[in-house]
Amino acid sequence: MTRPFDSFVMFAEMRTGSNFLEANLNALAGVTCHGEVFNPVFIGKKDQTELFGITLADREEDPLRLLRRLRERSSGLPGFRYFHDHDPRVFDLVMDDPRCAKIVLTRNPIESYVSLKIAQATGQWKLTNPKNLKQAKARFDPAEFAGHLDEVQQFQIRLLHALQARGQTAFYIDYDDIPDLAVLNGLAAFLGIDSRLEKVDASLTVQNPEPLGEKVTNLAAMEQTLARLDRFNLSRTPNFEPRRNAAIPGYVAASAAPLLFQPVKGAPVQPLVDWLATFGGVERDFTHKTLRQWKRAHPGHRSFTVLRHPLDRAHRAFWELEQGAMAQEQRNVLSRVHGVHLPKPGQPYTDPKDRHAAFLAFLRFLKRNLAGQTGFKTDAGWATQTAILQGFAQFQQPDLVLREDTLPQGLAFLAAETGLPAPEVTLPRDACDDALDTIRDGELEEAARDAYQKDYQSFGFFPKR
C-alpha cells in the first residue's frame, strides 16, 4: 500500500513540548524528525549551521533547496519542527504540498508563557536528568503575555485557514496528550507508519510539574489579567484560544476624553501617551471586549495614529539593535549572512563611517525581509506602516492619520474636532536622532525608498535632506 505522506512538519511553539513529541516520533522505526530546520539562527539544533551539505547562507538564499535535500537524503519519513517565527517562506512551501503531513502541537498559552519565562531565567531548556533541575519563579507581565497570546493566536488562525483553503487536515495534539501512548500510536497511524510504540519515550523529564499558581511571583496580577480575556470569541481555532487583533493590546485611550491612540511601533509613542494623560489619565491593555466598553462610554470618540518618515523609523529599529535588541544568535546571522555588522551591546559605533555602512546594509536587508526573501520574521518595528494600518483595519481604521513632522498642528485639529483644548505636545530629540543626522545622505535616502516603496507611494514621503 502506498504511504500517504513523503514528509511531515510539526507546527509548534517554544515550551509546548515539541522536544518531547520529537523524541517520541524519532522512537518510531522509519521516522526521523530533524529538529528546527528553519530556525533563523541555526539548522536543526542549537549551534548547528549545516545540514545535508546546506549552510545557513545557502538556506537563506534558497530554503526550498534544503527542504528538497531533507526529503531526498533522509531514510523513512523525514520531518521537522516549525514555529511561527521560523523562515516565513517555508510556510507556503509545506502547506502547498498535500504529501507533507501536518502535525499541530498546542499548549495552554498561559502554561507555555510561564514555562518560557522560567526557562529564560534558568537557561535550562530541556531536562534529561532530574538531578540537574534548575528552579526559578516567573514574573507575569500582562503586556508581554498579551503579545505572546496574540502571536500564538494569529499563527493558529493563519494555519487553520491555510488547511481549510487547501482542503487538508492536520493531526492536532495537545501538550497534555503527549504522554498518552494511544494518542502517539494514533499519530503513527495518521502518518502511515506501520511501527508502533510500546512505551512513551522517557529520555526527557518534565521541568516544572508544580501547579501554575506556584510558578509565578505575582499570582494576583496574572489572575486579574486572565479574568479580562474575552472567552466568548473562541470559535475558530481547535485549541480554543481567544482571537484578537494584534494591535488592540497596544491601543491607548484617554480616560476622560473621547480620544483613542493606535500606536505604530517605531514611530512616536510615549509623547502621545503623555499628551493623552493630560485628559484625566489613560487606559490601556485593551481586549476586544474592554475596548468596546470604552467606546460605549465615550460617545463621539475619535481614533488616530502617527506615522514617522521611513528612514527615521528604520534607523530607530537599527538603533535598538545597536543597543542590544535581538538575541545574539540572530545578530550573528545578520552579520554573517547579510553584512549588518553590529557592535557589541553597550559599545556603540565611534566612527560615523562604520555606522553608515552598517545602517546601509540593514536597509538592504530590510528590502529583502519585507519582500519575504529572508528567514527572519518581519518585526513590527520595521514592517511597512502601510501593512500596520491594514492590520488596524481588521478591527477599525483610525479616523485620523497624523505625521510626526506636523504633529502639533495635527493634534490641535484632532482636539478641535472633539471640542477639547489642545495641550502642547513635546517631541524630545535623543541620541538616536543625533546619530542619524551625522550620517544622513542621499545613499541612505535612496536605500530607504527602495526598501519602503509601499510607504513612500501610499503616504507621499520625500527625502528630508
Protein backbone atom coordinates (compact mmCIF):
# COMPACT_ATOMS: atom_id res chain seq x y z
CA MET A 1 0.00 0.00 0.00
CA THR A 2 1.33 3.44 -0.93
CA ARG A 3 2.31 5.60 2.02
CA PRO A 4 0.09 8.72 2.23
CA PHE A 5 2.93 11.15 3.01
CA ASP A 6 6.53 11.75 1.90
CA SER A 7 7.41 14.08 4.79
CA PHE A 8 5.88 15.88 7.75
CA VAL A 9 6.03 19.20 9.57
CA MET A 10 5.28 19.70 13.26
CA PHE A 11 3.79 23.14 13.85
CA ALA A 12 4.54 24.13 17.43
CA GLU A 13 5.86 26.96 19.61
CA MET A 14 8.50 27.30 22.28
CA ARG A 15 7.62 25.44 25.51
CA THR A 16 4.78 23.44 24.01
CA GLY A 17 6.50 20.06 24.41
CA SER A 18 7.94 19.86 20.89
CA ASN A 19 11.20 18.27 22.12
CA PHE A 20 9.17 15.59 23.91
CA LEU A 21 7.00 14.89 20.88
CA GLU A 22 10.05 14.84 18.61
CA ALA A 23 11.74 12.27 20.86
CA ASN A 24 8.70 10.01 20.56
CA LEU A 25 8.49 10.44 16.80
CA ASN A 26 12.16 9.51 16.50
CA ALA A 27 11.46 6.39 18.59
CA LEU A 28 9.19 5.16 15.79
CA ALA A 29 11.00 2.96 13.28
CA GLY A 30 11.09 4.72 9.92
CA VAL A 31 10.56 8.26 11.24
CA THR A 32 13.18 11.00 11.56
CA CYS A 33 12.45 14.46 12.91
CA HIS A 34 15.41 16.76 12.21
CA GLY A 35 14.54 19.47 14.74
CA GLU A 36 14.12 23.17 13.96
CA VAL A 37 15.49 23.03 10.43
CA PHE A 38 14.35 26.56 9.57
CA ASN A 39 15.14 28.34 12.84
CA PRO A 40 16.60 31.75 11.85
CA VAL A 41 19.86 31.22 13.79
CA PHE A 42 20.67 27.52 13.41
CA ILE A 43 19.74 24.45 11.39
CA GLY A 44 18.12 21.61 13.29
CA LYS A 45 19.60 22.18 16.72
CA LYS A 46 21.49 24.85 18.65
CA ASP A 47 24.89 25.81 17.22
CA GLN A 48 24.43 23.58 14.15
CA THR A 49 24.90 25.63 10.97
CA GLU A 50 24.84 22.94 8.28
CA LEU A 51 22.61 20.03 7.33
CA PHE A 52 22.91 17.73 4.32
CA GLY A 53 25.66 19.98 2.96
CA ILE A 54 23.45 23.11 3.11
CA THR A 55 24.83 26.01 5.15
CA LEU A 56 22.97 28.87 6.82
CA ALA A 57 23.91 31.16 3.93
CA ASP A 58 22.70 28.57 1.40
CA ARG A 59 19.42 28.20 3.26
CA GLU A 60 18.96 31.94 3.45
CA GLU A 61 19.42 32.13 -0.30
CA ASP A 62 17.03 29.28 -1.11
CA PRO A 63 15.13 27.41 1.65
CA LEU A 64 13.48 25.11 -0.91
CA ARG A 65 16.88 23.58 -1.67
CA LEU A 66 17.25 22.41 1.95
CA LEU A 67 13.66 21.19 2.03
CA ARG A 68 14.30 19.05 -1.04
CA ARG A 69 17.62 17.79 0.31
CA LEU A 70 15.96 16.79 3.60
CA ARG A 71 13.40 14.70 1.74
CA GLU A 72 15.91 13.16 -0.65
CA ARG A 73 18.61 12.18 1.83
CA SER A 74 16.57 11.03 4.82
CA SER A 75 15.62 7.41 5.25
CA GLY A 76 11.99 6.65 6.00
CA LEU A 77 9.61 9.52 6.69
CA PRO A 78 11.51 12.78 7.41
CA GLY A 79 10.16 15.89 9.07
CA PHE A 80 10.99 18.96 11.11
CA ARG A 81 9.59 21.37 13.68
CA TYR A 82 8.29 24.78 12.57
CA PHE A 83 7.47 27.73 14.87
CA HIS A 84 5.70 30.97 13.96
CA ASP A 85 8.99 32.91 13.85
CA HIS A 86 10.84 30.46 11.60
CA ASP A 87 11.60 31.21 7.95
CA PRO A 88 8.26 32.59 6.66
CA ARG A 89 8.98 31.41 3.10
CA VAL A 90 8.74 27.78 4.20
CA PHE A 91 5.14 28.03 5.41
CA ASP A 92 3.54 28.09 1.97
CA LEU A 93 6.04 25.55 0.62
CA VAL A 94 4.83 22.90 3.06
CA MET A 95 1.20 23.98 3.04
CA ASP A 96 1.05 23.68 -0.76
CA ASP A 97 2.33 20.10 -0.57
CA PRO A 98 -0.50 17.67 0.22
CA ARG A 99 2.06 14.88 0.66
CA CYS A 100 3.59 16.71 3.59
CA ALA A 101 1.72 15.65 6.73
CA LYS A 102 0.81 18.40 9.18
CA ILE A 103 1.04 17.88 12.93
CA VAL A 104 -0.23 20.75 15.09
CA LEU A 105 1.05 20.74 18.68
CA THR A 106 -0.65 23.15 21.08
CA ARG A 107 -0.50 24.03 24.75
CA ASN A 108 -2.46 26.29 27.06
CA PRO A 109 -0.80 29.65 26.26
CA ILE A 110 -0.51 30.75 29.89
CA GLU A 111 1.31 27.50 30.69
CA SER A 112 3.69 27.92 27.76
CA TYR A 113 4.30 31.58 28.65
CA VAL A 114 5.18 30.81 32.28
CA SER A 115 7.36 27.89 31.19
CA LEU A 116 9.15 30.19 28.75
CA LYS A 117 9.82 32.78 31.46
CA ILE A 118 11.24 30.11 33.77
CA ALA A 119 13.46 28.70 31.03
CA GLN A 120 14.75 32.19 30.24
CA ALA A 121 15.52 32.74 33.91
CA THR A 122 17.32 29.41 34.43
CA GLY A 123 18.85 28.92 30.98
CA GLN A 124 17.57 25.33 31.07
CA TRP A 125 15.50 24.47 28.00
CA LYS A 126 15.22 20.71 28.40
CA LEU A 127 15.97 18.24 31.18
CA THR A 128 17.26 14.67 30.90
CA ASN A 129 18.48 14.18 34.49
CA PRO A 130 16.21 15.39 37.34
CA LYS A 131 19.32 15.94 39.49
CA ASN A 132 20.28 18.82 37.20
CA LEU A 133 16.99 20.65 37.57
CA LYS A 134 17.28 24.43 37.94
CA GLN A 135 14.34 26.14 39.56
CA ALA A 136 13.00 29.67 39.44
CA LYS A 137 9.69 31.50 39.52
CA ALA A 138 8.37 33.65 36.71
CA ARG A 139 7.10 37.20 36.99
CA PHE A 140 3.89 37.57 34.99
CA ASP A 141 3.94 40.62 32.70
CA PRO A 142 0.41 41.44 31.39
CA ALA A 143 1.58 43.34 28.30
CA GLU A 144 4.17 40.73 27.41
CA PHE A 145 1.63 37.93 27.83
CA ALA A 146 -0.83 39.79 25.62
CA GLY A 147 1.82 39.89 22.91
CA HIS A 148 2.60 36.20 23.39
CA LEU A 149 -1.07 35.27 23.22
CA ASP A 150 -1.62 37.38 20.13
CA GLU A 151 1.31 35.82 18.25
CA VAL A 152 0.16 32.29 19.09
CA GLN A 153 -3.44 33.02 18.17
CA GLN A 154 -2.71 34.78 14.90
CA PHE A 155 -0.50 31.94 13.75
CA GLN A 156 -3.12 29.36 14.71
CA ILE A 157 -5.75 31.26 12.71
CA ARG A 158 -3.44 31.52 9.71
CA LEU A 159 -2.63 27.82 9.92
CA LEU A 160 -6.26 26.78 10.20
CA HIS A 161 -7.27 28.94 7.23
CA ALA A 162 -4.40 27.56 5.14
CA LEU A 163 -5.53 24.00 5.84
CA GLN A 164 -9.16 24.80 5.06
CA ALA A 165 -8.34 26.65 1.84
CA ARG A 166 -6.29 23.70 0.58
CA GLY A 167 -8.75 21.03 1.64
CA GLN A 168 -6.23 19.45 4.01
CA THR A 169 -6.42 18.25 7.59
CA ALA A 170 -3.87 18.04 10.37
CA PHE A 171 -3.28 15.81 13.38
CA TYR A 172 -3.92 18.03 16.40
CA ILE A 173 -2.22 17.05 19.63
CA ASP A 174 -2.07 18.95 22.91
CA TYR A 175 0.87 19.09 25.32
CA ASP A 176 -1.09 17.01 27.83
CA ASP A 177 -1.73 14.30 25.20
CA ILE A 178 1.94 13.53 24.51
CA PRO A 179 2.32 11.03 27.41
CA ASP A 180 -0.73 9.11 26.10
CA LEU A 181 0.62 6.05 24.30
CA ALA A 182 -2.65 5.53 22.43
CA VAL A 183 -2.54 9.06 21.04
CA LEU A 184 1.08 8.69 19.94
CA ASN A 185 0.27 5.46 18.13
CA GLY A 186 -2.72 7.18 16.59
CA LEU A 187 -0.29 9.77 15.25
CA ALA A 188 1.82 6.96 13.77
CA ALA A 189 -1.31 5.64 12.02
CA PHE A 190 -2.06 9.14 10.69
CA LEU A 191 1.46 9.33 9.24
CA GLY A 192 1.02 5.97 7.56
CA ILE A 193 3.79 4.34 9.60
CA ASP A 194 3.50 0.62 10.36
CA SER A 195 5.57 0.69 13.54
CA ARG A 196 4.05 1.43 16.94
CA LEU A 197 5.47 2.49 20.28
CA GLU A 198 5.43 0.06 23.18
CA LYS A 199 6.12 2.80 25.70
CA VAL A 200 6.45 6.56 25.84
CA ASP A 201 9.99 7.89 25.46
CA ALA A 202 11.43 8.65 28.90
CA SER A 203 14.62 10.48 27.89
CA LEU A 204 13.18 13.88 28.86
CA THR A 205 11.80 14.96 32.23
CA VAL A 206 9.03 17.46 32.93
CA GLN A 207 10.81 20.53 34.28
CA ASN A 208 8.10 22.37 36.18
CA PRO A 209 5.30 20.00 37.27
CA GLU A 210 4.03 22.30 40.04
CA PRO A 211 0.58 23.93 39.83
CA LEU A 212 0.58 27.12 37.76
CA GLY A 213 -0.03 29.35 40.78
CA GLU A 214 3.18 28.14 42.40
CA LYS A 215 5.30 29.06 39.38
CA VAL A 216 4.76 32.83 39.41
CA THR A 217 5.68 35.56 41.87
CA ASN A 218 2.62 37.76 41.20
CA LEU A 219 -0.34 35.39 41.01
CA ALA A 220 -2.92 38.12 41.67
CA ALA A 221 -1.80 40.15 38.65
CA MET A 222 -1.97 37.05 36.47
CA GLU A 223 -5.45 36.14 37.67
CA GLN A 224 -6.68 39.69 37.09
CA THR A 225 -5.34 39.70 33.53
CA LEU A 226 -6.76 36.28 32.68
CA ALA A 227 -10.16 37.28 34.06
CA ARG A 228 -10.33 40.09 31.48
CA LEU A 229 -9.91 37.81 28.46
CA ASP A 230 -12.85 37.68 26.09
CA ARG A 231 -13.67 33.99 26.33
CA PHE A 232 -16.74 34.23 24.09
CA ASN A 233 -14.69 34.77 20.93
CA LEU A 234 -13.44 31.18 20.73
CA SER A 235 -14.97 29.63 17.66
CA ARG A 236 -12.14 29.40 15.17
CA THR A 237 -9.12 27.52 16.44
CA PRO A 238 -9.26 23.89 17.50
CA ASN A 239 -7.43 24.62 20.75
CA PHE A 240 -9.95 27.33 21.68
CA GLU A 241 -7.62 30.25 22.18
CA PRO A 242 -9.29 33.70 22.11
CA ARG A 243 -8.97 35.52 18.80
CA ARG A 244 -7.86 39.14 18.83
CA ASN A 245 -6.45 41.80 16.62
CA ALA A 246 -2.69 42.01 17.02
CA ALA A 247 -2.66 45.74 17.75
CA ILE A 248 -5.51 46.06 20.25
CA PRO A 249 -3.48 45.38 23.44
CA GLY A 250 -1.26 48.31 22.46
CA TYR A 251 -4.05 50.87 21.99
CA VAL A 252 -4.06 53.76 24.47
CA ALA A 253 -7.16 55.80 25.30
CA ALA A 254 -7.80 58.93 27.33
CA SER A 255 -9.79 58.17 30.47
CA ALA A 256 -11.82 61.38 30.46
CA ALA A 257 -11.84 62.30 26.74
CA PRO A 258 -13.09 60.51 23.60
CA LEU A 259 -9.59 60.01 22.16
CA LEU A 260 -8.02 56.68 21.17
CA PHE A 261 -4.39 56.30 20.04
CA GLN A 262 -3.38 53.38 17.79
CA PRO A 263 0.45 53.32 18.03
CA VAL A 264 2.76 52.33 15.19
CA LYS A 265 5.84 50.62 16.61
CA GLY A 266 8.94 52.59 15.71
CA ALA A 267 7.00 55.86 15.41
CA PRO A 268 6.40 58.29 18.31
CA VAL A 269 4.51 56.60 21.14
CA GLN A 270 5.40 57.86 24.63
CA PRO A 271 4.92 61.57 23.78
CA LEU A 272 1.40 60.73 22.62
CA VAL A 273 0.68 58.71 25.75
CA ASP A 274 1.85 61.69 27.83
CA TRP A 275 -0.36 64.01 25.77
CA LEU A 276 -3.41 61.79 26.30
CA ALA A 277 -2.64 61.57 30.02
CA THR A 278 -3.37 65.30 30.33
CA PHE A 279 -7.04 64.42 29.73
CA GLY A 280 -7.51 62.73 33.10
CA GLY A 281 -5.13 59.79 32.67
CA VAL A 282 -5.04 56.88 30.24
CA GLU A 283 -6.47 53.38 29.81
CA ARG A 284 -4.56 50.60 28.04
CA ASP A 285 -4.05 46.81 27.76
CA PHE A 286 -7.36 46.52 25.93
CA THR A 287 -9.13 43.41 24.72
CA HIS A 288 -11.92 43.47 22.10
CA LYS A 289 -14.41 43.48 24.95
CA THR A 290 -12.89 46.25 27.07
CA LEU A 291 -12.24 48.43 24.00
CA ARG A 292 -15.91 48.17 23.01
CA GLN A 293 -16.84 49.11 26.57
CA TRP A 294 -14.57 52.17 26.40
CA LYS A 295 -16.17 53.22 23.10
CA ARG A 296 -19.68 52.93 24.50
CA ALA A 297 -18.63 55.05 27.47
CA HIS A 298 -17.12 57.74 25.19
CA PRO A 299 -19.65 58.70 22.50
CA GLY A 300 -18.23 60.80 19.69
CA HIS A 301 -14.82 59.17 20.10
CA ARG A 302 -12.01 59.75 17.61
CA SER A 303 -9.08 57.43 16.92
CA PHE A 304 -5.73 58.44 15.49
CA THR A 305 -2.27 57.17 14.66
CA VAL A 306 1.07 58.81 13.94
CA LEU A 307 3.47 57.97 11.11
CA ARG A 308 7.22 58.50 11.01
CA HIS A 309 9.45 59.05 7.98
CA PRO A 310 10.62 55.57 6.81
CA LEU A 311 14.33 56.43 7.05
CA ASP A 312 13.97 57.75 10.61
CA ARG A 313 11.87 54.77 11.61
CA ALA A 314 14.29 52.25 10.08
CA HIS A 315 17.14 53.93 11.93
CA ARG A 316 15.19 53.66 15.17
CA ALA A 317 14.97 49.87 14.63
CA PHE A 318 18.68 49.81 13.78
CA TRP A 319 19.48 51.86 16.91
CA GLU A 320 17.67 49.33 19.09
CA LEU A 321 19.79 46.57 17.54
CA GLU A 322 22.89 48.62 18.29
CA GLN A 323 21.79 48.87 21.92
CA GLY A 324 21.48 45.09 22.20
CA ALA A 325 17.99 44.18 20.96
CA MET A 326 17.66 40.74 19.36
CA ALA A 327 19.27 37.52 20.53
CA GLN A 328 22.99 37.18 19.91
CA GLU A 329 22.48 34.22 17.58
CA GLN A 330 20.26 36.31 15.30
CA ARG A 331 22.71 39.21 15.45
CA ASN A 332 25.40 36.80 14.29
CA VAL A 333 23.28 35.75 11.31
CA LEU A 334 22.64 39.40 10.41
CA SER A 335 26.38 39.94 10.36
CA ARG A 336 27.45 36.69 8.69
CA VAL A 337 24.75 36.41 6.07
CA HIS A 338 23.53 39.96 5.50
CA GLY A 339 26.61 42.04 6.24
CA VAL A 340 24.99 44.03 9.05
CA HIS A 341 27.98 44.33 11.37
CA LEU A 342 26.62 45.36 14.75
CA PRO A 343 28.82 46.39 17.69
CA LYS A 344 28.74 44.56 20.98
CA PRO A 345 25.78 45.67 23.13
CA GLY A 346 26.71 48.74 25.16
CA GLN A 347 29.59 49.61 22.82
CA PRO A 348 28.10 51.98 20.19
CA TYR A 349 29.78 52.94 16.96
CA THR A 350 32.53 55.51 17.38
CA ASP A 351 33.17 56.11 13.67
CA PRO A 352 30.25 57.56 11.64
CA LYS A 353 31.56 55.68 8.58
CA ASP A 354 31.05 52.35 10.37
CA ARG A 355 27.51 53.36 11.38
CA HIS A 356 26.73 54.46 7.83
CA ALA A 357 27.98 51.19 6.33
CA ALA A 358 26.11 49.03 8.83
CA PHE A 359 22.89 51.00 8.52
CA LEU A 360 23.06 50.86 4.73
CA ALA A 361 23.46 47.06 4.95
CA PHE A 362 20.50 46.97 7.34
CA LEU A 363 18.31 48.90 4.87
CA ARG A 364 19.26 46.44 2.14
CA PHE A 365 18.40 43.59 4.50
CA LEU A 366 15.02 45.24 5.15
CA LYS A 367 14.27 45.33 1.43
CA ARG A 368 14.75 41.56 1.23
CA ASN A 369 12.97 40.91 4.51
CA LEU A 370 9.90 42.92 3.53
CA ALA A 371 9.83 41.05 0.22
CA GLY A 372 9.79 37.72 2.06
CA GLN A 373 13.29 36.79 0.91
CA THR A 374 14.94 36.16 4.29
CA GLY A 375 14.45 33.67 7.09
CA PHE A 376 13.78 36.46 9.61
CA LYS A 377 10.29 37.23 10.81
CA THR A 378 9.29 40.79 9.91
CA ASP A 379 9.39 42.71 13.18
CA ALA A 380 6.61 45.22 13.83
CA GLY A 381 9.29 47.85 14.39
CA TRP A 382 10.40 47.70 10.76
CA ALA A 383 7.28 46.41 8.97
CA THR A 384 5.81 48.87 6.48
CA GLN A 385 3.46 51.38 8.03
CA THR A 386 1.05 50.54 5.21
CA ALA A 387 0.83 46.96 6.47
CA ILE A 388 0.40 48.10 10.06
CA LEU A 389 -2.55 50.33 9.14
CA GLN A 390 -4.05 47.44 7.18
CA GLY A 391 -3.74 45.42 10.38
CA PHE A 392 -5.60 48.13 12.30
CA ALA A 393 -8.39 47.89 9.74
CA GLN A 394 -9.14 44.32 10.80
CA PHE A 395 -10.77 45.92 13.83
CA GLN A 396 -11.08 49.56 12.86
CA GLN A 397 -9.27 52.13 10.77
CA PRO A 398 -8.00 55.24 12.59
CA ASP A 399 -10.13 58.33 11.96
CA LEU A 400 -7.02 60.45 11.54
CA VAL A 401 -3.51 59.64 10.30
CA LEU A 402 -1.02 62.23 11.57
CA ARG A 403 2.64 62.81 10.67
CA GLU A 404 5.46 63.24 13.16
CA ASP A 405 6.77 66.33 11.35
CA THR A 406 3.46 68.20 11.72
CA LEU A 407 2.22 66.62 14.93
CA PRO A 408 1.38 69.82 16.88
CA GLN A 409 -0.92 71.01 14.08
CA GLY A 410 -2.45 67.56 13.71
CA LEU A 411 -3.23 67.20 17.41
CA ALA A 412 -4.68 70.72 17.51
CA PHE A 413 -7.05 69.73 14.70
CA LEU A 414 -7.97 66.50 16.50
CA ALA A 415 -8.70 68.34 19.75
CA ALA A 416 -10.83 70.91 17.90
CA GLU A 417 -12.81 68.05 16.30
CA THR A 418 -13.83 66.83 19.74
CA GLY A 419 -14.27 70.28 21.30
CA LEU A 420 -11.29 69.91 23.62
CA PRO A 421 -8.39 72.21 24.44
CA ALA A 422 -5.14 71.26 22.71
CA PRO A 423 -2.31 70.74 25.21
CA GLU A 424 1.19 71.16 23.83
CA VAL A 425 2.99 68.03 22.74
CA THR A 426 6.72 67.62 23.26
CA LEU A 427 8.81 65.50 20.91
CA PRO A 428 12.24 65.41 22.55
CA ARG A 429 15.28 64.60 20.44
CA ASP A 430 17.58 61.86 21.64
CA ALA A 431 20.90 60.24 20.76
CA CYS A 432 19.26 58.14 18.06
CA ASP A 433 18.14 61.28 16.19
CA ASP A 434 21.57 62.86 16.54
CA ALA A 435 23.31 59.71 15.29
CA LEU A 436 21.16 59.62 12.17
CA ASP A 437 21.77 63.31 11.42
CA THR A 438 25.52 62.68 11.35
CA ILE A 439 25.21 60.10 8.55
CA ARG A 440 22.03 61.06 6.66
CA ASP A 441 22.76 61.33 2.96
CA GLY A 442 21.33 60.58 -0.48
CA GLU A 443 22.55 56.98 -0.48
CA LEU A 444 20.64 56.16 2.72
CA GLU A 445 17.56 58.03 1.49
CA GLU A 446 17.60 56.02 -1.73
CA ALA A 447 18.05 52.74 0.15
CA ALA A 448 15.12 53.59 2.42
CA ARG A 449 12.94 54.43 -0.56
CA ASP A 450 13.97 51.17 -2.19
CA ALA A 451 13.03 49.17 0.94
CA TYR A 452 9.83 51.08 1.72
CA GLN A 453 8.40 51.80 -1.73
CA LYS A 454 4.91 50.99 -0.50
CA ASP A 455 5.07 53.62 2.28
CA TYR A 456 6.56 56.28 0.02
CA GLN A 457 3.82 55.69 -2.54
CA SER A 458 0.98 55.38 -0.02
CA PHE A 459 1.85 58.34 2.20
CA GLY A 460 3.85 60.65 -0.05
CA PHE A 461 7.08 60.66 1.95
CA PHE A 462 10.02 62.50 0.43
CA PRO A 463 13.72 62.94 1.34
CA LYS A 464 14.38 65.22 4.31
CA ARG A 465 17.73 66.46 3.02
